[in-house]
Amino acid sequence: MNIIYEDDYFIAVNKEAGIEVDDNLIKKIKEEHSHINNLYLVHRIDKFTSGIVILARDEETKKYFEESFKNKTISKVYHAIVEGYLKNNSGVIDISIGIDKKNPNKRIPLSVKEGGESAITYYKVLKKLNEHTLLELKPVTGRTHQIRVHLSYIGHPIIGDKIYSKNAGIYKMKGFALIAKEINFVHPITKKNIEIKIKYNKEFLIRLKLLEMPKK
């Protein structure tokens, strides 16, 4: 478990794809870093999403982060590789999301009347690849599977996503190409602006290389 930020109040780790964000994550961190005692989850990312996860080191800091996420004062930036080319270079996806009654582990677009919750994601094209696109994504809300559902809904699912893409099997990936790449917030004690960023992992870089535009 690679700790990328640490102080007396919280830590940030760079989680690999395939690791669930639950008590087992805390256990793994403690096993690898013996100086860390108490840790509390304050938010989650999907098991097969890689990237930044924040964990509080005391209950007061935990409450601070939980309120910050609830009040949307924390900014998160994701990068994803998706199938196809988007019509616009930037835009917003504003589609409510709810639980699929046929599959409780899946989320689908639903109106509020149908039990859906408001979900908003901003996107920007970073690079056009060979029949694929590298995107920057900024979710305003934090619904379960939000980015994955939104991108699938507009016809550009994330590569390797076995739930929301029919083509996932052809990529033969451990996870899918979605990274929690950046997070910005005000420090709970010092009140300074904190900006944490990570680089692409090996699998993401390999996919980018494989999907580069063919040379003419």
C-alpha atoms as a PDB file:
ATOM      1  CA  MET A   1       0.000   0.000   0.000  1.00  0.00           C
ATOM      2  CA  ASN A   2       1.771   3.092  -1.273  1.00  0.00           C
ATOM      3  CA  ILE A   3       1.180   6.056   1.067  1.00  0.00           C
ATOM      4  CA  ILE A   4       1.387   9.226  -1.034  1.00  0.00           C
ATOM      5  CA  TYR A   5       0.492  11.739   1.698  1.00  0.00           C
ATOM      6  CA  GLU A   6       0.654  11.502   5.473  1.00  0.00           C
ATOM      7  CA  ASP A   7       0.320  13.791   8.484  1.00  0.00           C
ATOM      8  CA  ASP A   8      -1.059  13.482  12.025  1.00  0.00           C
ATOM      9  CA  TYR A   9      -4.686  13.687  10.864  1.00  0.00           C
ATOM     10  CA  PHE A  10      -5.074  11.624   7.696  1.00  0.00           C
ATOM     11  CA  ILE A  11      -3.263   9.653   5.030  1.00  0.00           C
ATOM     12  CA  ALA A  12      -3.764   9.188   1.287  1.00  0.00           C
ATOM     13  CA  VAL A  13      -2.934   5.898  -0.426  1.00  0.00           C
ATOM     14  CA  ASN A  14      -2.645   4.954  -4.087  1.00  0.00           C
ATOM     15  CA  LYS A  15      -4.888   1.894  -4.311  1.00  0.00           C
ATOM     16  CA  GLU A  16      -4.378  -0.756  -6.967  1.00  0.00           C
ATOM     17  CA  ALA A  17      -7.269  -2.141  -9.008  1.00  0.00           C
ATOM     18  CA  GLY A  18      -8.782  -5.271  -7.455  1.00  0.00           C
ATOM     19  CA  ILE A  19      -8.610  -4.153  -3.819  1.00  0.00           C
ATOM     20  CA  GLU A  20     -11.918  -3.463  -2.071  1.00  0.00           C
ATOM     21  CA  VAL A  21     -12.200  -0.239  -0.066  1.00  0.00           C
ATOM     22  CA  ASP A  22     -13.309  -1.767   3.225  1.00  0.00           C
ATOM     23  CA  ASP A  23     -11.874  -2.968   6.552  1.00  0.00           C
ATOM     24  CA  ASN A  24      -9.474  -5.239   4.656  1.00  0.00           C
ATOM     25  CA  LEU A  25      -7.893  -2.165   3.071  1.00  0.00           C
ATOM     26  CA  ILE A  26      -7.233  -0.744   6.541  1.00  0.00           C
ATOM     27  CA  LYS A  27      -5.794  -4.093   7.620  1.00  0.00           C
ATOM     28  CA  LYS A  28      -3.415  -4.177   4.638  1.00  0.00           C
ATOM     29  CA  ILE A  29      -2.183  -0.634   5.331  1.00  0.00           C
ATOM     30  CA  LYS A  30      -1.514  -1.406   9.003  1.00  0.00           C
ATOM     31  CA  GLU A  31       0.332  -4.608   8.101  1.00  0.00           C
ATOM     32  CA  GLU A  32       2.646  -2.757   5.734  1.00  0.00           C
ATOM     33  CA  HIS A  33       3.080   0.378   7.865  1.00  0.00           C
ATOM     34  CA  SER A  34       3.525  -0.575  11.523  1.00  0.00           C
ATOM     35  CA  HIS A  35       3.611   3.040  12.761  1.00  0.00           C
ATOM     36  CA  ILE A  36      -0.055   3.525  11.816  1.00  0.00           C
ATOM     37  CA  ASN A  37      -2.643   2.631  14.457  1.00  0.00           C
ATOM     38  CA  ASN A  38      -6.177   3.962  14.014  1.00  0.00           C
ATOM     39  CA  LEU A  39      -7.611   4.469  10.534  1.00  0.00           C
ATOM     40  CA  TYR A  40     -11.138   5.325   9.390  1.00  0.00           C
ATOM     41  CA  LEU A  41     -12.682   5.141   5.919  1.00  0.00           C
ATOM     42  CA  VAL A  42     -14.204   8.449   4.832  1.00  0.00           C
ATOM     43  CA  HIS A  43     -15.096   7.658   1.195  1.00  0.00           C
ATOM     44  CA  ARG A  44     -14.916   4.816  -1.302  1.00  0.00           C
ATOM     45  CA  ILE A  45     -13.916   4.079  -4.869  1.00  0.00           C
ATOM     46  CA  ASP A  46     -14.870   0.941  -6.792  1.00  0.00           C
ATOM     47  CA  LYS A  47     -12.880  -2.245  -6.270  1.00  0.00           C
ATOM     48  CA  PHE A  48     -11.545  -2.195  -9.843  1.00  0.00           C
ATOM     49  CA  THR A  49     -10.913   1.553  -9.925  1.00  0.00           C
ATOM     50  CA  SER A  50      -7.343   2.479  -9.014  1.00  0.00           C
ATOM     51  CA  GLY A  51      -6.096   5.676  -7.449  1.00  0.00           C
ATOM     52  CA  ILE A  52      -6.349   7.975  -4.440  1.00  0.00           C
ATOM     53  CA  VAL A  53      -8.159   6.978  -1.258  1.00  0.00           C
ATOM     54  CA  ILE A  54      -8.223   9.198   1.854  1.00  0.00           C
ATOM     55  CA  LEU A  55      -8.313   7.665   5.358  1.00  0.00           C
ATOM     56  CA  ALA A  56      -8.680   9.614   8.595  1.00  0.00           C
ATOM     57  CA  ARG A  57      -6.482   8.916  11.632  1.00  0.00           C
ATOM     58  CA  ASP A  58      -8.988  10.025  14.271  1.00  0.00           C
ATOM     59  CA  GLU A  59     -12.763  10.320  14.628  1.00  0.00           C
ATOM     60  CA  GLU A  60     -12.894  14.124  14.452  1.00  0.00           C
ATOM     61  CA  THR A  61     -11.036  14.134  11.145  1.00  0.00           C
ATOM     62  CA  LYS A  62     -13.322  11.347   9.926  1.00  0.00           C
ATOM     63  CA  LYS A  63     -16.359  13.529  10.653  1.00  0.00           C
ATOM     64  CA  TYR A  64     -14.723  16.472   8.878  1.00  0.00           C
ATOM     65  CA  PHE A  65     -14.147  14.494   5.694  1.00  0.00           C
ATOM     66  CA  GLU A  66     -17.571  12.890   5.760  1.00  0.00           C
ATOM     67  CA  GLU A  67     -19.180  16.337   6.006  1.00  0.00           C
ATOM     68  CA  SER A  68     -16.897  17.691   3.278  1.00  0.00           C
ATOM     69  CA  PHE A  69     -17.863  14.918   0.882  1.00  0.00           C
ATOM     70  CA  LYS A  70     -21.531  15.369   1.786  1.00  0.00           C
ATOM     71  CA  ASN A  71     -21.335  19.141   1.202  1.00  0.00           C
ATOM     72  CA  LYS A  72     -19.355  18.670  -2.045  1.00  0.00           C
ATOM     73  CA  THR A  73     -16.440  20.838  -0.889  1.00  0.00           C
ATOM     74  CA  ILE A  74     -13.935  18.176  -1.970  1.00  0.00           C
ATOM     75  CA  SER A  75     -12.998  18.124  -5.648  1.00  0.00           C
ATOM     76  CA  LYS A  76     -12.070  14.805  -7.289  1.00  0.00           C
ATOM     77  CA  VAL A  77     -10.625  14.317 -10.772  1.00  0.00           C
ATOM     78  CA  TYR A  78     -10.653  10.997 -12.602  1.00  0.00           C
ATOM     79  CA  HIS A  79      -9.080   9.917 -15.883  1.00  0.00           C
ATOM     80  CA  ALA A  80     -10.567   7.171 -18.039  1.00  0.00           C
ATOM     81  CA  ILE A  81     -10.016   5.477 -21.380  1.00  0.00           C
ATOM     82  CA  VAL A  82     -13.344   4.954 -23.123  1.00  0.00           C
ATOM     83  CA  GLU A  83     -14.575   3.299 -26.274  1.00  0.00           C
ATOM     84  CA  GLY A  84     -15.099   5.489 -29.349  1.00  0.00           C
ATOM     85  CA  TYR A  85     -15.024   9.249 -29.923  1.00  0.00           C
ATOM     86  CA  LEU A  86     -17.280  11.722 -28.134  1.00  0.00           C
ATOM     87  CA  LYS A  87     -19.339  14.190 -30.142  1.00  0.00           C
ATOM     88  CA  ASN A  88     -18.205  17.160 -28.045  1.00  0.00           C
ATOM     89  CA  ASN A  89     -14.771  17.883 -26.543  1.00  0.00           C
ATOM     90  CA  SER A  90     -16.356  18.814 -23.207  1.00  0.00           C
ATOM     91  CA  GLY A  91     -19.722  18.726 -21.557  1.00  0.00           C
ATOM     92  CA  VAL A  92     -21.832  17.571 -18.627  1.00  0.00           C
ATOM     93  CA  ILE A  93     -23.785  14.357 -18.088  1.00  0.00           C
ATOM     94  CA  ASP A  94     -26.794  15.019 -15.861  1.00  0.00           C
ATOM     95  CA  ILE A  95     -28.647  11.715 -15.505  1.00  0.00           C
ATOM     96  CA  SER A  96     -30.167  10.353 -12.284  1.00  0.00           C
ATOM     97  CA  ILE A  97     -29.002   6.912 -11.181  1.00  0.00           C
ATOM     98  CA  GLY A  98     -30.737   4.161  -9.252  1.00  0.00           C
ATOM     99  CA  ILE A  99     -30.375   0.482  -8.331  1.00  0.00           C
ATOM    100  CA  ASP A 100     -31.192  -2.088 -11.006  1.00  0.00           C
ATOM    101  CA  LYS A 101     -33.972  -4.219  -9.480  1.00  0.00           C
ATOM    102  CA  LYS A 102     -32.821  -7.209 -11.550  1.00  0.00           C
ATOM    103  CA  ASN A 103     -29.240  -6.877 -10.285  1.00  0.00           C
ATOM    104  CA  PRO A 104     -28.656  -5.047  -6.952  1.00  0.00           C
ATOM    105  CA  ASN A 105     -24.919  -4.770  -7.739  1.00  0.00           C
ATOM    106  CA  LYS A 106     -25.656  -2.750 -10.877  1.00  0.00           C
ATOM    107  CA  ARG A 107     -26.765   0.864 -11.274  1.00  0.00           C
ATOM    108  CA  ILE A 108     -28.894   2.179 -14.141  1.00  0.00           C
ATOM    109  CA  PRO A 109     -30.285   5.541 -15.290  1.00  0.00           C
ATOM    110  CA  LEU A 110     -33.578   6.167 -13.452  1.00  0.00           C
ATOM    111  CA  SER A 111     -35.794   9.190 -13.024  1.00  0.00           C
ATOM    112  CA  VAL A 112     -36.293  10.569  -9.514  1.00  0.00           C
ATOM    113  CA  LYS A 113     -39.874   9.245  -9.615  1.00  0.00           C
ATOM    114  CA  GLU A 114     -38.481   5.774 -10.262  1.00  0.00           C
ATOM    115  CA  GLY A 115     -36.175   6.017  -7.261  1.00  0.00           C
ATOM    116  CA  GLY A 116     -33.132   7.508  -8.940  1.00  0.00           C
ATOM    117  CA  GLU A 117     -30.777  10.016  -7.289  1.00  0.00           C
ATOM    118  CA  SER A 118     -29.363  13.113  -8.975  1.00  0.00           C
ATOM    119  CA  ALA A 119     -25.950  12.478 -10.557  1.00  0.00           C
ATOM    120  CA  ILE A 120     -23.791  15.007 -12.430  1.00  0.00           C
ATOM    121  CA  THR A 121     -20.431  14.429 -14.134  1.00  0.00           C
ATOM    122  CA  TYR A 122     -18.359  16.929 -16.128  1.00  0.00           C
ATOM    123  CA  TYR A 123     -16.062  15.563 -18.820  1.00  0.00           C
ATOM    124  CA  LYS A 124     -13.276  16.850 -21.066  1.00  0.00           C
ATOM    125  CA  VAL A 125     -11.447  15.121 -23.903  1.00  0.00           C
ATOM    126  CA  LEU A 126      -7.721  14.967 -23.167  1.00  0.00           C
ATOM    127  CA  LYS A 127      -6.579  12.906 -26.148  1.00  0.00           C
ATOM    128  CA  LYS A 128      -8.080  11.010 -29.070  1.00  0.00           C
ATOM    129  CA  LEU A 129      -6.646   7.517 -29.435  1.00  0.00           C
ATOM    130  CA  ASN A 130      -7.205   4.814 -32.040  1.00  0.00           C
ATOM    131  CA  GLU A 131     -11.018   4.377 -31.859  1.00  0.00           C
ATOM    132  CA  HIS A 132     -10.812   5.321 -28.168  1.00  0.00           C
ATOM    133  CA  THR A 133     -10.599   8.510 -26.082  1.00  0.00           C
ATOM    134  CA  LEU A 134      -8.734   9.593 -22.949  1.00  0.00           C
ATOM    135  CA  LEU A 135     -11.068  11.636 -20.731  1.00  0.00           C
ATOM    136  CA  GLU A 136     -10.842  13.840 -17.664  1.00  0.00           C
ATOM    137  CA  LEU A 137     -13.904  13.483 -15.431  1.00  0.00           C
ATOM    138  CA  LYS A 138     -15.116  15.587 -12.520  1.00  0.00           C
ATOM    139  CA  PRO A 139     -18.100  14.133 -10.644  1.00  0.00           C
ATOM    140  CA  VAL A 140     -20.159  16.712  -8.758  1.00  0.00           C
ATOM    141  CA  THR A 141     -22.111  14.025  -6.921  1.00  0.00           C
ATOM    142  CA  GLY A 142     -20.736  10.732  -5.616  1.00  0.00           C
ATOM    143  CA  ARG A 143     -23.247   8.047  -6.541  1.00  0.00           C
ATOM    144  CA  THR A 144     -22.235   4.402  -6.690  1.00  0.00           C
ATOM    145  CA  HIS A 145     -20.758   3.578 -10.144  1.00  0.00           C
ATOM    146  CA  GLN A 146     -21.642   7.122 -11.267  1.00  0.00           C
ATOM    147  CA  ILE A 147     -18.880   7.693 -13.823  1.00  0.00           C
ATOM    148  CA  ARG A 148     -19.184   4.172 -15.195  1.00  0.00           C
ATOM    149  CA  VAL A 149     -22.969   4.419 -15.635  1.00  0.00           C
ATOM    150  CA  HIS A 150     -22.812   7.899 -17.161  1.00  0.00           C
ATOM    151  CA  LEU A 151     -20.186   6.988 -19.731  1.00  0.00           C
ATOM    152  CA  SER A 152     -21.997   3.789 -20.656  1.00  0.00           C
ATOM    153  CA  TYR A 153     -25.261   5.733 -20.987  1.00  0.00           C
ATOM    154  CA  ILE A 154     -23.785   8.113 -23.576  1.00  0.00           C
ATOM    155  CA  GLY A 155     -22.365   5.192 -25.541  1.00  0.00           C
ATOM    156  CA  HIS A 156     -18.713   5.404 -24.438  1.00  0.00           C
ATOM    157  CA  PRO A 157     -18.134   2.823 -21.693  1.00  0.00           C
ATOM    158  CA  ILE A 158     -14.813   2.526 -19.907  1.00  0.00           C
ATOM    159  CA  ILE A 159     -12.603  -0.181 -21.403  1.00  0.00           C
ATOM    160  CA  GLY A 160     -12.435  -3.344 -19.324  1.00  0.00           C
ATOM    161  CA  ASP A 161     -15.665  -2.597 -17.419  1.00  0.00           C
ATOM    162  CA  LYS A 162     -17.345  -5.993 -17.229  1.00  0.00           C
ATOM    163  CA  ILE A 163     -20.657  -4.627 -15.922  1.00  0.00           C
ATOM    164  CA  TYR A 164     -21.251  -1.630 -18.174  1.00  0.00           C
ATOM    165  CA  SER A 165     -19.479  -2.586 -21.408  1.00  0.00           C
ATOM    166  CA  LYS A 166     -20.332  -5.459 -23.752  1.00  0.00           C
ATOM    167  CA  ASN A 167     -16.771  -5.374 -25.113  1.00  0.00           C
ATOM    168  CA  ALA A 168     -14.923  -5.657 -21.778  1.00  0.00           C
ATOM    169  CA  GLY A 169     -13.557  -9.139 -22.473  1.00  0.00           C
ATOM    170  CA  ILE A 170     -11.420  -8.128 -25.450  1.00  0.00           C
ATOM    171  CA  TYR A 171      -9.141  -5.945 -23.294  1.00  0.00           C
ATOM    172  CA  LYS A 172      -8.104  -8.669 -20.817  1.00  0.00           C
ATOM    173  CA  MET A 173      -7.500  -6.223 -17.984  1.00  0.00           C
ATOM    174  CA  LYS A 174      -7.167  -6.792 -14.235  1.00  0.00           C
ATOM    175  CA  GLY A 175      -9.501  -3.879 -13.565  1.00  0.00           C
ATOM    176  CA  PHE A 176     -10.828  -1.195 -15.869  1.00  0.00           C
ATOM    177  CA  ALA A 177      -9.255   1.992 -17.174  1.00  0.00           C
ATOM    178  CA  LEU A 178     -10.513   4.424 -14.534  1.00  0.00           C
ATOM    179  CA  ILE A 179      -8.165   6.221 -12.131  1.00  0.00           C
ATOM    180  CA  ALA A 180      -8.943   8.532  -9.211  1.00  0.00           C
ATOM    181  CA  LYS A 181      -6.071  10.776 -10.240  1.00  0.00           C
ATOM    182  CA  GLU A 182      -6.427  13.967  -8.219  1.00  0.00           C
ATOM    183  CA  ILE A 183      -8.161  15.257  -5.089  1.00  0.00           C
ATOM    184  CA  ASN A 184      -8.365  18.809  -3.713  1.00  0.00           C
ATOM    185  CA  PHE A 185      -9.681  19.993  -0.356  1.00  0.00           C
ATOM    186  CA  VAL A 186      -9.071  22.256   2.628  1.00  0.00           C
ATOM    187  CA  HIS A 187      -6.998  20.673   5.404  1.00  0.00           C
ATOM    188  CA  PRO A 188      -9.191  19.930   8.467  1.00  0.00           C
ATOM    189  CA  ILE A 189      -6.764  21.623  10.902  1.00  0.00           C
ATOM    190  CA  THR A 190      -4.366  23.962   9.084  1.00  0.00           C
ATOM    191  CA  LYS A 191      -7.081  25.111   6.617  1.00  0.00           C
ATOM    192  CA  LYS A 192      -4.483  25.131   3.851  1.00  0.00           C
ATOM    193  CA  ASN A 193      -5.462  23.964   0.367  1.00  0.00           C
ATOM    194  CA  ILE A 194      -4.323  20.365  -0.171  1.00  0.00           C
ATOM    195  CA  GLU A 195      -3.809  19.040  -3.697  1.00  0.00           C
ATOM    196  CA  ILE A 196      -2.835  15.405  -4.148  1.00  0.00           C
ATOM    197  CA  LYS A 197      -2.038  13.967  -7.591  1.00  0.00           C
ATOM    198  CA  ILE A 198      -0.731  10.651  -8.865  1.00  0.00           C
ATOM    199  CA  LYS A 199       0.767   9.417 -12.123  1.00  0.00           C
ATOM    200  CA  TYR A 200      -0.760   6.719 -14.309  1.00  0.00           C
ATOM    201  CA  ASN A 201      -0.085   3.165 -13.198  1.00  0.00           C
ATOM    202  CA  LYS A 202       1.656   0.616 -15.413  1.00  0.00           C
ATOM    203  CA  GLU A 203      -1.523  -1.000 -16.780  1.00  0.00           C
ATOM    204  CA  PHE A 204      -3.067   2.371 -17.686  1.00  0.00           C
ATOM    205  CA  LEU A 205       0.128   3.431 -19.468  1.00  0.00           C
ATOM    206  CA  ILE A 206       0.256   0.152 -21.398  1.00  0.00           C
ATOM    207  CA  ARG A 207      -3.341   0.653 -22.578  1.00  0.00           C
ATOM    208  CA  LEU A 208      -2.582   4.186 -23.719  1.00  0.00           C
ATOM    209  CA  LYS A 209       0.427   2.924 -25.648  1.00  0.00           C
ATOM    210  CA  LEU A 210      -1.511   0.092 -27.290  1.00  0.00           C
ATOM    211  CA  LEU A 211      -4.333   2.445 -28.297  1.00  0.00           C
ATOM    212  CA  GLU A 212      -2.206   5.250 -29.750  1.00  0.00           C
ATOM    213  CA  MET A 213      -3.114   6.505 -33.196  1.00  0.00           C
ATOM    214  CA  PRO A 214      -1.383   4.361 -35.870  1.00  0.00           C
ATOM    215  CA  LYS A 215       1.454   6.166 -37.593  1.00  0.00           C
ATOM    216  CA  LYS A 216       0.730   7.153 -41.177  1.00  0.00           C
END
